Amino acid sequence: MRSKSKKPIAVTVKKLLTYAVLILTLLVSIMPLIWMWQAALVPSNKLNVDPFAIPTSLTLDNIKRAWTTGKMNVYMINSILVAIPRVLGVLLLSSLAGYAFGKLKFKGRDKIFSFMMFGMMIPIQAMVIPLYYNLQQMGLINTRLAMVIPYFGLSMPFAVFMMRAFFRDLPDALIESATIDGCNEFTTFLYIMAPLIKPALSALLVFEFMWSWNDMFLPMLVVYNDTSRTLPLGLMFFFGKYTADHSLIAVGVTICTLPIVIVYTLFQKNFIEGVTAGAVKG
């Protein structure tokens, strides 16, 4: 009887400790976000005196200044115009290539795929000099295309690797049935295979959007004027040489992070399904 009575107590204590650790982890994870959102709404003079004080008054002036004077509205539009074609282009090209490498049979398929995977081992820093000169010769410096076109190649190795893994897990009987019904390779991909890889596309969309939205290295090298700067690059100019307006910086960081949170929230279910499924597909 004593052993039976002790067992529920031990289980209860274990659950309490588990929940305590989870709650503590949640607080540690969310506190920087709460502080950032609070700092964005606190007047600059009060934030500079005591950044961690409980605010007694809130204001939207910081958001207005960042959006207009700080040109965050221009940077936001540029980030959207860079992210959308980059994400859509990578999704289209990688899904077609993944289908070819995963399902079609042609000479040298595996060798070409292995060669493409070498791209995952080469950092962009090793390619930046010839890449810059190529963009300069094409007249793309200081344009949004300079931040889009290179990633149609740079993002391909990981994207193709991910899409190929999903296509390989789909049964070949689907393609055989479609062929019997009169479908060619393209219509088989478009109407049969593509709808089945929505989780993979959602996961890749979130990854690629996040990388595009947060990209700072390449835009810093190929864009020099305000008309083409993206949000991460524009945020650099909120820092002065000797001073920094922390309220404006908090607003800028908040504006930078909100689109990622929104995209992840919209595709959360398919994203988790795609990532967990991709972990066991090969």
Protein backbone atom coordinates (compact mmCIF):
# COMPACT_ATOMS: atom_id res chain seq x y z
CA MET A 1 0.00 0.00 0.00
CA ARG A 2 2.81 2.40 0.86
CA SER A 3 4.53 1.79 -2.47
CA LYS A 4 1.27 2.46 -4.30
CA SER A 5 0.70 5.70 -2.39
CA LYS A 6 4.26 6.85 -2.99
CA LYS A 7 4.00 6.28 -6.74
CA PRO A 8 1.28 8.91 -7.40
CA ILE A 9 3.21 11.40 -5.26
CA ALA A 10 6.40 10.77 -7.27
CA VAL A 11 4.47 11.19 -10.54
CA THR A 12 2.92 14.43 -9.30
CA VAL A 13 6.29 15.83 -8.21
CA LYS A 14 7.80 14.89 -11.58
CA LYS A 15 4.98 16.66 -13.42
CA LEU A 16 5.34 19.75 -11.25
CA LEU A 17 9.08 19.91 -11.90
CA THR A 18 8.51 19.42 -15.63
CA TYR A 19 5.95 22.22 -15.78
CA ALA A 20 8.19 24.47 -13.66
CA VAL A 21 11.10 23.98 -16.06
CA LEU A 22 8.85 24.57 -19.09
CA ILE A 23 7.37 27.75 -17.60
CA LEU A 24 10.85 29.03 -16.70
CA THR A 25 12.07 28.31 -20.21
CA LEU A 26 9.05 30.13 -21.63
CA LEU A 27 9.72 33.19 -19.48
CA VAL A 28 13.40 33.26 -20.40
CA SER A 29 12.49 32.98 -24.10
CA ILE A 30 9.70 35.55 -24.16
CA MET A 31 11.12 38.21 -21.83
CA PRO A 32 13.46 39.74 -24.47
CA LEU A 33 10.49 40.08 -26.84
CA ILE A 34 8.33 41.68 -24.15
CA TRP A 35 11.12 44.11 -23.27
CA MET A 36 11.66 44.95 -26.94
CA TRP A 37 7.96 45.67 -27.51
CA GLN A 38 7.84 47.71 -24.31
CA ALA A 39 10.94 49.71 -25.28
CA ALA A 40 9.35 50.54 -28.63
CA LEU A 41 6.46 52.27 -26.86
CA VAL A 42 8.39 54.05 -24.08
CA PRO A 43 9.56 57.67 -24.63
CA SER A 44 13.26 57.82 -25.48
CA ASN A 45 14.23 60.04 -22.53
CA LYS A 46 12.73 57.62 -20.02
CA LEU A 47 14.17 54.54 -21.69
CA ASN A 48 17.68 55.98 -21.66
CA VAL A 49 17.44 56.69 -17.91
CA ASP A 50 16.25 53.22 -16.84
CA PRO A 51 15.72 50.68 -19.67
CA PHE A 52 14.24 48.03 -17.35
CA ALA A 53 11.84 50.21 -15.38
CA ILE A 54 8.12 49.47 -15.55
CA PRO A 55 6.72 52.08 -17.97
CA THR A 56 4.35 54.70 -16.56
CA SER A 57 3.37 56.07 -19.97
CA LEU A 58 3.38 54.75 -23.54
CA THR A 59 3.63 56.59 -26.83
CA LEU A 60 3.36 55.83 -30.55
CA ASP A 61 5.74 58.64 -31.50
CA ASN A 62 8.66 56.23 -31.77
CA ILE A 63 6.79 54.13 -34.33
CA LYS A 64 5.85 57.23 -36.34
CA ARG A 65 9.45 58.50 -36.32
CA ALA A 66 10.89 55.13 -37.32
CA TRP A 67 8.30 54.66 -40.07
CA THR A 68 8.77 58.11 -41.64
CA THR A 69 12.03 59.74 -40.52
CA GLY A 70 13.82 56.40 -40.26
CA LYS A 71 12.44 55.37 -43.70
CA MET A 72 11.26 52.00 -42.40
CA ASN A 73 8.32 52.23 -44.80
CA VAL A 74 10.76 52.25 -47.76
CA TYR A 75 12.85 49.46 -46.28
CA MET A 76 9.75 47.37 -45.61
CA ILE A 77 8.60 47.64 -49.23
CA ASN A 78 12.08 46.73 -50.46
CA SER A 79 12.23 43.69 -48.18
CA ILE A 80 8.85 42.49 -49.44
CA LEU A 81 9.82 43.04 -53.09
CA VAL A 82 13.02 41.08 -52.52
CA ALA A 83 11.58 38.25 -50.40
CA ILE A 84 8.54 37.37 -52.52
CA PRO A 85 10.27 36.72 -55.88
CA ARG A 86 13.20 35.03 -54.14
CA VAL A 87 10.97 32.65 -52.17
CA LEU A 88 8.68 31.88 -55.11
CA GLY A 89 11.61 31.35 -57.46
CA VAL A 90 13.42 29.01 -55.08
CA LEU A 91 10.23 27.02 -54.40
CA LEU A 92 9.50 26.59 -58.11
CA LEU A 93 13.02 25.68 -59.19
CA SER A 94 13.77 23.40 -56.23
CA SER A 95 10.49 21.51 -56.54
CA LEU A 96 11.11 20.85 -60.25
CA ALA A 97 14.71 19.82 -59.59
CA GLY A 98 13.71 17.72 -56.59
CA TYR A 99 11.16 15.87 -58.69
CA ALA A 100 13.74 15.24 -61.40
CA PHE A 101 16.38 13.96 -58.99
CA GLY A 102 13.91 12.01 -56.87
CA LYS A 103 11.67 10.35 -59.45
CA LEU A 104 12.99 10.65 -62.99
CA LYS A 105 15.64 8.28 -64.27
CA PHE A 106 18.32 9.70 -66.55
CA LYS A 107 22.02 9.19 -67.08
CA GLY A 108 24.27 10.86 -64.53
CA ARG A 109 21.38 11.76 -62.21
CA ASP A 110 23.10 10.85 -58.96
CA LYS A 111 26.44 12.35 -60.03
CA ILE A 112 24.80 15.67 -60.93
CA PHE A 113 22.95 15.68 -57.61
CA SER A 114 26.16 14.94 -55.67
CA PHE A 115 27.93 17.74 -57.54
CA MET A 116 25.11 20.14 -56.64
CA MET A 117 25.44 19.20 -52.98
CA PHE A 118 28.97 20.59 -52.96
CA GLY A 119 27.30 24.00 -52.98
CA MET A 120 26.22 23.45 -49.38
CA MET A 121 29.89 23.34 -48.33
CA ILE A 122 30.95 26.59 -50.04
CA PRO A 123 30.23 29.76 -48.00
CA ILE A 124 28.98 32.84 -49.78
CA GLN A 125 32.07 34.72 -48.56
CA ALA A 126 34.19 32.57 -50.87
CA MET A 127 32.08 33.58 -53.89
CA VAL A 128 31.39 37.20 -53.12
CA ILE A 129 34.16 38.79 -55.25
CA PRO A 130 33.29 37.12 -58.58
CA LEU A 131 29.60 37.47 -57.72
CA TYR A 132 30.00 41.21 -57.21
CA TYR A 133 31.83 41.67 -60.52
CA ASN A 134 29.20 39.65 -62.37
CA LEU A 135 26.41 41.78 -60.90
CA GLN A 136 28.36 44.93 -61.75
CA GLN A 137 28.82 43.84 -65.39
CA MET A 138 25.07 43.19 -65.64
CA GLY A 139 24.33 46.64 -64.23
CA LEU A 140 22.46 45.27 -61.20
CA ILE A 141 24.38 47.03 -58.41
CA ASN A 142 22.02 49.20 -56.32
CA THR A 143 18.97 47.30 -57.54
CA ARG A 144 16.65 44.81 -55.85
CA LEU A 145 17.48 42.18 -58.48
CA ALA A 146 21.02 42.04 -57.10
CA MET A 147 19.55 40.64 -53.88
CA VAL A 148 17.24 38.17 -55.65
CA ILE A 149 18.99 36.57 -58.63
CA PRO A 150 22.10 35.23 -56.81
CA TYR A 151 19.95 33.24 -54.40
CA PHE A 152 18.31 31.33 -57.23
CA GLY A 153 21.65 29.54 -57.25
CA LEU A 154 22.90 29.96 -53.68
CA SER A 155 19.72 28.56 -52.10
CA MET A 156 19.38 25.63 -54.50
CA PRO A 157 21.59 22.97 -52.83
CA PHE A 158 19.65 22.87 -49.56
CA ALA A 159 16.27 23.39 -51.23
CA VAL A 160 16.83 20.64 -53.82
CA PHE A 161 18.16 18.28 -51.13
CA MET A 162 15.02 18.83 -49.07
CA MET A 163 12.56 18.49 -51.95
CA ARG A 164 14.30 15.39 -53.34
CA ALA A 165 13.93 13.68 -49.95
CA PHE A 166 10.16 14.20 -50.02
CA PHE A 167 9.72 13.13 -53.64
CA ARG A 168 11.70 9.94 -53.08
CA ASP A 169 9.31 8.91 -50.32
CA LEU A 170 6.26 9.15 -52.59
CA PRO A 171 5.29 5.82 -54.23
CA ASP A 172 6.24 5.28 -57.87
CA ALA A 173 2.79 3.76 -58.45
CA LEU A 174 1.37 7.29 -58.56
CA ILE A 175 3.53 8.16 -61.56
CA GLU A 176 2.73 4.87 -63.27
CA SER A 177 -1.00 5.42 -62.82
CA ALA A 178 -0.75 8.97 -64.14
CA THR A 179 1.21 7.76 -67.17
CA ILE A 180 -1.44 5.14 -67.93
CA ASP A 181 -4.07 7.89 -67.75
CA GLY A 182 -2.18 9.86 -70.39
CA CYS A 183 -0.25 12.38 -68.26
CA ASN A 184 3.20 13.51 -69.35
CA GLU A 185 6.02 14.30 -66.91
CA PHE A 186 4.98 17.91 -66.38
CA THR A 187 1.26 17.24 -65.81
CA THR A 188 2.18 14.36 -63.50
CA PHE A 189 4.30 16.73 -61.44
CA LEU A 190 1.75 19.55 -61.48
CA TYR A 191 -1.46 17.66 -60.73
CA ILE A 192 -0.32 14.48 -58.96
CA MET A 193 2.97 15.05 -57.14
CA ALA A 194 2.96 18.75 -56.27
CA PRO A 195 -0.23 18.65 -54.14
CA LEU A 196 1.33 15.87 -52.04
CA ILE A 197 4.38 17.90 -51.04
CA LYS A 198 2.57 20.89 -49.51
CA PRO A 199 4.17 20.25 -46.08
CA ALA A 200 7.62 20.29 -47.69
CA LEU A 201 6.83 23.46 -49.64
CA SER A 202 5.49 25.13 -46.49
CA ALA A 203 8.60 24.22 -44.50
CA LEU A 204 10.90 25.44 -47.28
CA LEU A 205 8.83 28.62 -47.66
CA VAL A 206 9.28 29.48 -43.97
CA PHE A 207 13.01 28.75 -44.07
CA GLU A 208 13.62 30.69 -47.27
CA PHE A 209 11.47 33.66 -46.21
CA MET A 210 13.30 33.86 -42.87
CA TRP A 211 16.71 33.73 -44.56
CA SER A 212 15.67 36.30 -47.15
CA TRP A 213 14.10 38.66 -44.64
CA ASN A 214 17.11 38.54 -42.30
CA ASP A 215 19.75 38.64 -45.03
CA MET A 216 22.22 41.44 -44.48
CA PHE A 217 25.56 40.32 -45.91
CA LEU A 218 24.77 40.44 -49.63
CA PRO A 219 22.57 43.59 -49.48
CA MET A 220 25.36 45.36 -47.59
CA LEU A 221 27.74 44.65 -50.49
CA VAL A 222 25.52 45.39 -53.49
CA VAL A 223 23.22 48.20 -52.30
CA TYR A 224 24.43 51.68 -51.35
CA ASN A 225 21.38 53.94 -51.53
CA ASP A 226 18.22 54.28 -49.48
CA THR A 227 15.89 53.48 -52.37
CA SER A 228 16.94 49.81 -52.44
CA ARG A 229 17.95 49.06 -48.85
CA THR A 230 16.12 46.28 -46.98
CA LEU A 231 15.07 46.32 -43.33
CA PRO A 232 18.13 44.65 -41.73
CA LEU A 233 20.44 46.94 -43.69
CA GLY A 234 18.39 50.03 -42.92
CA LEU A 235 18.40 49.16 -39.23
CA MET A 236 22.18 49.72 -39.19
CA PHE A 237 21.63 53.43 -39.76
CA PHE A 238 19.71 53.74 -36.50
CA PHE A 239 23.08 53.59 -34.76
CA GLY A 240 25.17 56.74 -34.60
CA LYS A 241 28.93 56.86 -34.25
CA TYR A 242 28.78 57.71 -30.56
CA THR A 243 25.09 57.49 -29.66
CA ALA A 244 22.04 55.35 -30.36
CA ASP A 245 18.32 55.95 -29.93
CA HIS A 246 17.30 52.71 -28.23
CA SER A 247 13.58 53.36 -28.65
CA LEU A 248 13.94 53.70 -32.43
CA ILE A 249 16.15 50.60 -32.52
CA ALA A 250 13.50 48.65 -30.57
CA VAL A 251 10.84 49.80 -33.05
CA GLY A 252 13.02 48.82 -35.98
CA VAL A 253 13.72 45.36 -34.57
CA THR A 254 10.02 44.90 -33.84
CA ILE A 255 9.09 45.80 -37.40
CA CYS A 256 11.78 43.41 -38.69
CA THR A 257 10.54 40.46 -36.63
CA LEU A 258 6.77 40.82 -37.08
CA PRO A 259 6.59 39.52 -40.71
CA ILE A 260 8.55 36.38 -39.75
CA VAL A 261 6.20 35.73 -36.83
CA ILE A 262 3.18 36.21 -39.11
CA VAL A 263 4.52 33.88 -41.83
CA TYR A 264 5.43 31.20 -39.31
CA THR A 265 2.01 31.46 -37.66
CA LEU A 266 0.23 31.07 -41.00
CA PHE A 267 2.27 28.01 -42.03
CA GLN A 268 2.94 26.58 -38.57
CA LYS A 269 0.97 23.35 -38.96
CA ASN A 270 2.38 22.44 -42.38
CA PHE A 271 5.85 23.64 -41.34
CA ILE A 272 6.02 21.28 -38.34
CA GLU A 273 4.60 18.44 -40.43
CA GLY A 274 7.13 19.07 -43.17
CA VAL A 275 10.14 19.31 -40.87
CA THR A 276 9.26 16.22 -38.85
CA ALA A 277 8.46 14.21 -41.97
CA GLY A 278 11.65 15.31 -43.64
CA ALA A 279 13.62 14.05 -40.68
CA VAL A 280 12.86 10.43 -41.56
CA LYS A 281 12.56 10.67 -45.34
CA GLY A 282 15.57 9.97 -47.44
